């Protein structure tokens, strides 16, 4: 056996870790740059579907201190569920796409597999 594969594997592992950390830091930076008075959107991956869950600043504040995703995850873990607005993409009268609140939903601890901030490229209408 030669000693060359080990350093290459270590280098590949460090590069992969750097890419993962860089991507997550960039996403965190984009999430932090979201305007303060607007509805915050989160992509929730469930067993059945991917959902866009929207929470108002007041609803997020009621979940306690900390970063938005951590507040939401902590609430799901402690209370077994979290309620918010289900957002979906619709066309407005002018033909432009926008995200619109469809109604209130509750996501349970058993359904939520992954939770991440979502920054849309289109306008988000308040509920």
N, C-alpha and C. Protein backbone atom coordinates (compact mmCIF):
# COMPACT_ATOMS: atom_id res chain seq x y z
N UNK A 1 0.84 -1.19 0.00
CA UNK A 1 0.00 0.00 0.00
C UNK A 1 0.87 1.24 0.00
N UNK A 2 0.44 2.22 -0.73
CA UNK A 2 1.20 3.46 -0.77
C UNK A 2 0.55 4.50 0.14
N UNK A 3 1.30 5.51 0.50
CA UNK A 3 0.81 6.55 1.41
C UNK A 3 0.13 7.69 0.66
N UNK A 4 0.14 7.69 -0.66
CA UNK A 4 -0.42 8.81 -1.40
C UNK A 4 -1.94 8.93 -1.35
N UNK A 5 -2.73 7.84 -1.30
CA UNK A 5 -4.18 8.04 -1.26
C UNK A 5 -4.67 8.75 -0.02
N UNK A 6 -4.02 8.55 1.10
CA UNK A 6 -4.48 9.19 2.34
C UNK A 6 -4.45 10.71 2.26
N UNK A 7 -3.33 11.34 1.87
CA UNK A 7 -3.37 12.80 1.78
C UNK A 7 -4.38 13.29 0.76
N UNK A 8 -4.55 12.57 -0.34
CA UNK A 8 -5.53 12.99 -1.33
C UNK A 8 -6.93 12.91 -0.73
N UNK A 9 -7.22 11.83 0.00
CA UNK A 9 -8.54 11.71 0.63
C UNK A 9 -8.75 12.82 1.65
N UNK A 10 -7.72 13.13 2.43
CA UNK A 10 -7.83 14.22 3.41
C UNK A 10 -8.07 15.55 2.73
N UNK A 11 -7.39 15.78 1.61
CA UNK A 11 -7.58 17.02 0.86
C UNK A 11 -8.99 17.10 0.31
N UNK A 12 -9.48 15.98 -0.23
CA UNK A 12 -10.85 15.97 -0.76
C UNK A 12 -11.86 16.20 0.36
N UNK A 13 -11.62 15.62 1.52
CA UNK A 13 -12.54 15.82 2.64
C UNK A 13 -12.55 17.28 3.08
N UNK A 14 -11.36 17.90 3.14
CA UNK A 14 -11.30 19.31 3.53
C UNK A 14 -11.98 20.19 2.50
N UNK A 15 -11.81 19.86 1.20
CA UNK A 15 -12.45 20.65 0.15
C UNK A 15 -13.97 20.51 0.24
N UNK A 16 -14.46 19.29 0.47
CA UNK A 16 -15.90 19.07 0.57
C UNK A 16 -16.46 19.81 1.78
N UNK A 17 -15.75 19.75 2.90
CA UNK A 17 -16.19 20.46 4.09
C UNK A 17 -16.22 21.97 3.84
N UNK A 18 -15.22 22.48 3.15
CA UNK A 18 -15.18 23.90 2.83
C UNK A 18 -16.35 24.32 1.94
N UNK A 19 -16.68 23.47 0.96
CA UNK A 19 -17.82 23.78 0.09
C UNK A 19 -19.12 23.76 0.88
N UNK A 20 -19.28 22.79 1.76
CA UNK A 20 -20.50 22.71 2.56
C UNK A 20 -20.62 23.92 3.49
N UNK A 21 -19.53 24.24 4.17
CA UNK A 21 -19.57 25.38 5.08
C UNK A 21 -19.76 26.68 4.33
N UNK A 22 -19.10 26.82 3.19
CA UNK A 22 -19.26 28.04 2.39
C UNK A 22 -20.68 28.22 1.92
N UNK A 23 -21.30 27.14 1.47
CA UNK A 23 -22.69 27.21 1.02
C UNK A 23 -23.65 27.55 2.15
N UNK A 24 -23.43 26.94 3.32
CA UNK A 24 -24.33 27.22 4.43
C UNK A 24 -24.12 28.63 4.96
N UNK A 25 -22.89 29.12 4.95
CA UNK A 25 -22.65 30.50 5.40
C UNK A 25 -23.25 31.49 4.42
N UNK A 26 -23.18 31.19 3.12
CA UNK A 26 -23.80 32.07 2.13
C UNK A 26 -25.30 32.10 2.31
N UNK A 27 -25.90 30.93 2.55
CA UNK A 27 -27.35 30.88 2.77
C UNK A 27 -27.73 31.63 4.04
N UNK A 28 -26.92 31.50 5.07
CA UNK A 28 -27.20 32.22 6.31
C UNK A 28 -27.09 33.72 6.09
N UNK A 29 -26.13 34.15 5.28
CA UNK A 29 -25.99 35.56 4.98
C UNK A 29 -27.18 36.11 4.21
N UNK A 30 -27.69 35.31 3.25
CA UNK A 30 -28.87 35.74 2.50
C UNK A 30 -30.08 35.79 3.41
N UNK A 31 -30.20 34.82 4.33
CA UNK A 31 -31.34 34.81 5.24
C UNK A 31 -31.28 36.00 6.18
N UNK A 32 -30.08 36.37 6.62
CA UNK A 32 -29.95 37.51 7.52
C UNK A 32 -30.25 38.82 6.81
N UNK A 33 -30.11 38.83 5.47
CA UNK A 33 -30.33 40.05 4.71
C UNK A 33 -31.80 40.29 4.40
N UNK A 34 -32.69 39.38 4.81
CA UNK A 34 -34.12 39.55 4.54
C UNK A 34 -34.64 40.76 5.30
N UNK A 35 -35.53 41.54 4.67
CA UNK A 35 -36.08 42.71 5.33
C UNK A 35 -36.79 42.35 6.63
N UNK A 36 -36.69 43.22 7.63
CA UNK A 36 -37.16 42.92 8.97
C UNK A 36 -38.68 42.88 9.09
N UNK A 37 -39.42 43.68 8.32
CA UNK A 37 -40.86 43.77 8.50
C UNK A 37 -41.66 42.79 7.66
N UNK A 38 -41.04 41.92 6.93
CA UNK A 38 -41.74 41.03 6.02
C UNK A 38 -41.92 39.64 6.59
N UNK A 39 -42.83 38.92 5.94
CA UNK A 39 -43.07 37.52 6.28
C UNK A 39 -41.80 36.74 5.95
N UNK A 40 -41.39 35.88 6.86
CA UNK A 40 -40.22 35.02 6.61
C UNK A 40 -40.71 33.68 6.11
N UNK A 41 -40.10 33.19 5.06
CA UNK A 41 -40.48 31.92 4.47
C UNK A 41 -39.46 30.85 4.81
N UNK A 42 -39.96 29.63 5.02
CA UNK A 42 -39.12 28.49 5.32
C UNK A 42 -39.57 27.33 4.45
N UNK A 43 -38.61 26.65 3.86
CA UNK A 43 -38.93 25.44 3.11
C UNK A 43 -38.93 24.29 4.09
N UNK A 44 -40.05 23.60 4.17
CA UNK A 44 -40.19 22.45 5.06
C UNK A 44 -40.35 21.23 4.18
N UNK A 45 -39.39 20.31 4.28
CA UNK A 45 -39.48 19.06 3.54
C UNK A 45 -40.16 18.05 4.45
N UNK A 46 -41.27 17.50 3.99
CA UNK A 46 -42.01 16.49 4.75
C UNK A 46 -41.98 15.18 3.99
N UNK A 47 -42.56 14.17 4.58
CA UNK A 47 -42.63 12.86 3.93
C UNK A 47 -43.45 12.96 2.65
N UNK A 48 -44.48 13.78 2.66
CA UNK A 48 -45.40 13.86 1.52
C UNK A 48 -45.02 14.90 0.48
N UNK A 49 -44.50 16.05 0.92
CA UNK A 49 -44.27 17.15 -0.03
C UNK A 49 -43.31 18.17 0.56
N UNK A 50 -42.89 19.09 -0.29
CA UNK A 50 -42.14 20.26 0.16
C UNK A 50 -43.13 21.40 0.32
N UNK A 51 -43.05 22.10 1.46
CA UNK A 51 -43.97 23.19 1.75
C UNK A 51 -43.20 24.48 1.92
N UNK A 52 -43.86 25.59 1.61
CA UNK A 52 -43.34 26.90 1.96
C UNK A 52 -44.18 27.41 3.12
N UNK A 53 -43.56 27.50 4.28
CA UNK A 53 -44.22 27.94 5.50
C UNK A 53 -43.82 29.38 5.76
N UNK A 54 -44.80 30.25 5.92
CA UNK A 54 -44.54 31.65 6.19
C UNK A 54 -44.92 32.02 7.61
N UNK A 55 -44.06 32.79 8.26
CA UNK A 55 -44.33 33.30 9.61
C UNK A 55 -44.12 34.80 9.61
N UNK A 56 -45.03 35.51 10.26
CA UNK A 56 -44.90 36.95 10.39
C UNK A 56 -43.83 37.25 11.43
N UNK A 57 -43.30 38.47 11.46
CA UNK A 57 -42.32 38.82 12.50
C UNK A 57 -42.88 38.63 13.92
N UNK A 58 -44.16 38.90 14.12
CA UNK A 58 -44.76 38.72 15.45
C UNK A 58 -44.82 37.24 15.82
N UNK A 59 -45.15 36.38 14.86
CA UNK A 59 -45.19 34.94 15.13
C UNK A 59 -43.80 34.40 15.44
N UNK A 60 -42.80 34.90 14.72
CA UNK A 60 -41.42 34.48 15.00
C UNK A 60 -40.96 34.96 16.37
N UNK A 61 -41.32 36.18 16.72
CA UNK A 61 -40.92 36.72 18.03
C UNK A 61 -41.52 35.91 19.17
N UNK A 62 -42.73 35.37 18.95
CA UNK A 62 -43.38 34.57 19.98
C UNK A 62 -42.67 33.23 20.20
N UNK A 63 -41.82 32.82 19.26
CA UNK A 63 -41.11 31.55 19.39
C UNK A 63 -39.85 31.66 20.25
N UNK A 64 -39.50 32.86 20.67
CA UNK A 64 -38.34 33.04 21.54
C UNK A 64 -37.15 33.64 20.82
N UNK A 65 -36.01 33.68 21.51
CA UNK A 65 -34.80 34.31 20.96
C UNK A 65 -34.03 33.36 20.04
N UNK A 66 -33.11 33.95 19.29
CA UNK A 66 -32.22 33.16 18.45
C UNK A 66 -32.50 33.34 16.97
N UNK A 67 -31.67 32.70 16.15
CA UNK A 67 -31.88 32.75 14.70
C UNK A 67 -33.24 32.12 14.33
N UNK A 68 -33.82 32.60 13.25
CA UNK A 68 -35.17 32.19 12.86
C UNK A 68 -35.33 30.68 12.73
N UNK A 69 -34.42 30.02 12.02
CA UNK A 69 -34.55 28.58 11.81
C UNK A 69 -34.44 27.82 13.12
N UNK A 70 -33.54 28.26 13.99
CA UNK A 70 -33.40 27.59 15.29
C UNK A 70 -34.66 27.77 16.14
N UNK A 71 -35.26 28.96 16.09
CA UNK A 71 -36.50 29.19 16.84
C UNK A 71 -37.60 28.24 16.36
N UNK A 72 -37.71 28.13 15.04
CA UNK A 72 -38.74 27.28 14.46
C UNK A 72 -38.49 25.81 14.80
N UNK A 73 -37.27 25.36 14.66
CA UNK A 73 -36.93 23.97 14.97
C UNK A 73 -37.14 23.67 16.45
N UNK A 74 -36.76 24.61 17.31
CA UNK A 74 -36.94 24.42 18.74
C UNK A 74 -38.43 24.33 19.10
N UNK A 75 -39.24 25.15 18.46
CA UNK A 75 -40.67 25.11 18.72
C UNK A 75 -41.28 23.79 18.27
N UNK A 76 -40.86 23.29 17.12
CA UNK A 76 -41.37 22.00 16.65
C UNK A 76 -40.95 20.90 17.60
N UNK A 77 -39.71 20.94 18.08
CA UNK A 77 -39.22 19.89 18.98
C UNK A 77 -39.93 19.95 20.34
N UNK A 78 -40.12 21.15 20.88
CA UNK A 78 -40.72 21.29 22.21
C UNK A 78 -42.22 21.06 22.23
N UNK A 79 -42.92 21.62 21.25
CA UNK A 79 -44.38 21.58 21.25
C UNK A 79 -44.96 20.49 20.35
N UNK A 80 -44.11 19.87 19.53
CA UNK A 80 -44.59 18.81 18.66
C UNK A 80 -45.18 19.30 17.35
N UNK A 81 -45.34 20.61 17.22
CA UNK A 81 -45.88 21.17 15.98
C UNK A 81 -45.64 22.67 15.94
N UNK A 82 -45.83 23.23 14.77
CA UNK A 82 -45.78 24.68 14.61
C UNK A 82 -46.82 25.06 13.55
N UNK A 83 -47.49 26.17 13.75
CA UNK A 83 -48.50 26.64 12.81
C UNK A 83 -47.96 27.86 12.07
N UNK A 84 -48.35 28.00 10.82
CA UNK A 84 -47.93 29.13 10.01
C UNK A 84 -48.80 29.22 8.77
N UNK A 85 -48.38 30.06 7.85
CA UNK A 85 -49.12 30.27 6.61
C UNK A 85 -48.52 29.41 5.51
N UNK A 86 -49.35 28.71 4.77
CA UNK A 86 -48.91 27.94 3.62
C UNK A 86 -48.86 28.88 2.43
N UNK A 87 -47.68 29.03 1.84
CA UNK A 87 -47.51 29.92 0.69
C UNK A 87 -47.41 29.10 -0.59
N UNK A 88 -48.00 29.68 -1.65
CA UNK A 88 -47.92 29.05 -2.96
C UNK A 88 -47.75 30.12 -4.02
N UNK A 89 -47.25 29.71 -5.15
CA UNK A 89 -46.97 30.62 -6.25
C UNK A 89 -48.22 30.78 -7.12
N UNK A 90 -48.65 32.03 -7.31
CA UNK A 90 -49.79 32.34 -8.17
C UNK A 90 -49.43 33.52 -9.07
N UNK A 91 -50.16 33.64 -10.15
CA UNK A 91 -50.00 34.79 -11.04
C UNK A 91 -50.97 35.90 -10.63
N UNK A 92 -50.46 37.12 -10.62
CA UNK A 92 -51.30 38.26 -10.30
C UNK A 92 -52.05 38.75 -11.52
N UNK A 93 -52.86 39.80 -11.38
CA UNK A 93 -53.63 40.34 -12.50
C UNK A 93 -52.73 40.85 -13.63
N UNK A 94 -51.52 41.26 -13.27
CA UNK A 94 -50.59 41.75 -14.29
C UNK A 94 -49.79 40.62 -14.96
N UNK A 95 -50.02 39.38 -14.55
CA UNK A 95 -49.33 38.24 -15.14
C UNK A 95 -48.04 37.87 -14.43
N UNK A 96 -47.59 38.68 -13.49
CA UNK A 96 -46.35 38.39 -12.76
C UNK A 96 -46.62 37.36 -11.67
N UNK A 97 -45.64 36.51 -11.45
CA UNK A 97 -45.78 35.51 -10.39
C UNK A 97 -45.48 36.15 -9.04
N UNK A 98 -46.18 35.67 -8.03
CA UNK A 98 -45.95 36.11 -6.66
C UNK A 98 -46.33 34.99 -5.71
N UNK A 99 -45.80 35.07 -4.50
CA UNK A 99 -46.12 34.09 -3.47
C UNK A 99 -47.26 34.63 -2.62
N UNK A 100 -48.30 33.80 -2.45
CA UNK A 100 -49.51 34.22 -1.77
C UNK A 100 -49.83 33.21 -0.67
N UNK A 101 -50.28 33.72 0.48
CA UNK A 101 -50.67 32.84 1.58
C UNK A 101 -51.98 32.15 1.22
N UNK A 102 -51.97 30.82 1.30
CA UNK A 102 -53.16 30.05 0.96
C UNK A 102 -54.03 29.76 2.16
N UNK A 103 -53.49 29.79 3.34
CA UNK A 103 -54.24 29.49 4.55
C UNK A 103 -53.29 29.02 5.64
N UNK A 104 -53.83 28.81 6.83
CA UNK A 104 -53.01 28.37 7.97
C UNK A 104 -52.84 26.86 7.92
N UNK A 105 -51.63 26.40 8.24
CA UNK A 105 -51.36 24.97 8.34
C UNK A 105 -50.55 24.72 9.60
N UNK A 106 -50.51 23.48 10.00
CA UNK A 106 -49.70 23.06 11.13
C UNK A 106 -48.78 21.94 10.66
N UNK A 107 -47.51 22.06 11.00
CA UNK A 107 -46.52 21.04 10.65
C UNK A 107 -46.14 20.33 11.94
N UNK A 108 -46.29 19.01 11.96
CA UNK A 108 -45.98 18.25 13.17
C UNK A 108 -44.55 17.75 13.15
N UNK A 109 -44.07 17.40 14.31
CA UNK A 109 -42.70 16.92 14.47
C UNK A 109 -42.47 15.66 13.64
N UNK A 110 -43.47 14.81 13.52
CA UNK A 110 -43.32 13.57 12.77
C UNK A 110 -43.23 13.81 11.27
N UNK A 111 -43.80 14.91 10.79
CA UNK A 111 -43.81 15.19 9.36
C UNK A 111 -42.57 15.94 8.89
N UNK A 112 -42.04 16.84 9.70
CA UNK A 112 -40.94 17.71 9.28
C UNK A 112 -39.62 16.94 9.26
N UNK A 113 -39.04 16.82 8.07
CA UNK A 113 -37.76 16.15 7.93
C UNK A 113 -36.61 17.16 7.86
N UNK A 114 -36.81 18.21 7.09
CA UNK A 114 -35.78 19.23 6.90
C UNK A 114 -36.45 20.60 6.92
N UNK A 115 -35.73 21.56 7.48
CA UNK A 115 -36.23 22.92 7.60
C UNK A 115 -35.10 23.86 7.23
N UNK A 116 -35.37 24.79 6.31
CA UNK A 116 -34.33 25.75 5.92
C UNK A 116 -34.98 27.07 5.51
N UNK A 117 -34.25 28.18 5.65
CA UNK A 117 -34.79 29.47 5.22
C UNK A 117 -34.97 29.48 3.70
N UNK A 118 -35.94 30.22 3.24
CA UNK A 118 -36.22 30.31 1.81
C UNK A 118 -36.32 31.78 1.43
N UNK A 119 -35.48 32.18 0.51
CA UNK A 119 -35.52 33.56 0.02
C UNK A 119 -36.02 33.54 -1.42
N UNK A 120 -37.25 34.00 -1.64
CA UNK A 120 -37.84 33.93 -2.97
C UNK A 120 -37.29 35.00 -3.91
N UNK A 121 -37.38 34.69 -5.19
CA UNK A 121 -36.96 35.65 -6.20
C UNK A 121 -38.15 36.47 -6.70
N UNK A 122 -39.32 36.26 -6.11
CA UNK A 122 -40.52 36.97 -6.51
C UNK A 122 -41.15 37.64 -5.29
N UNK A 123 -42.07 38.56 -5.50
CA UNK A 123 -42.71 39.25 -4.37
C UNK A 123 -43.52 38.30 -3.49
N UNK A 124 -43.52 38.59 -2.19
CA UNK A 124 -44.28 37.80 -1.22
C UNK A 124 -45.36 38.72 -0.65
N UNK A 125 -46.62 38.31 -0.81
CA UNK A 125 -47.71 39.12 -0.27
C UNK A 125 -47.95 38.73 1.18
N UNK A 126 -48.25 39.69 2.04
CA UNK A 126 -48.53 39.36 3.44
C UNK A 126 -49.84 38.59 3.56
N UNK A 127 -49.99 37.81 4.61
CA UNK A 127 -51.25 37.05 4.80
C UNK A 127 -52.43 37.96 5.08
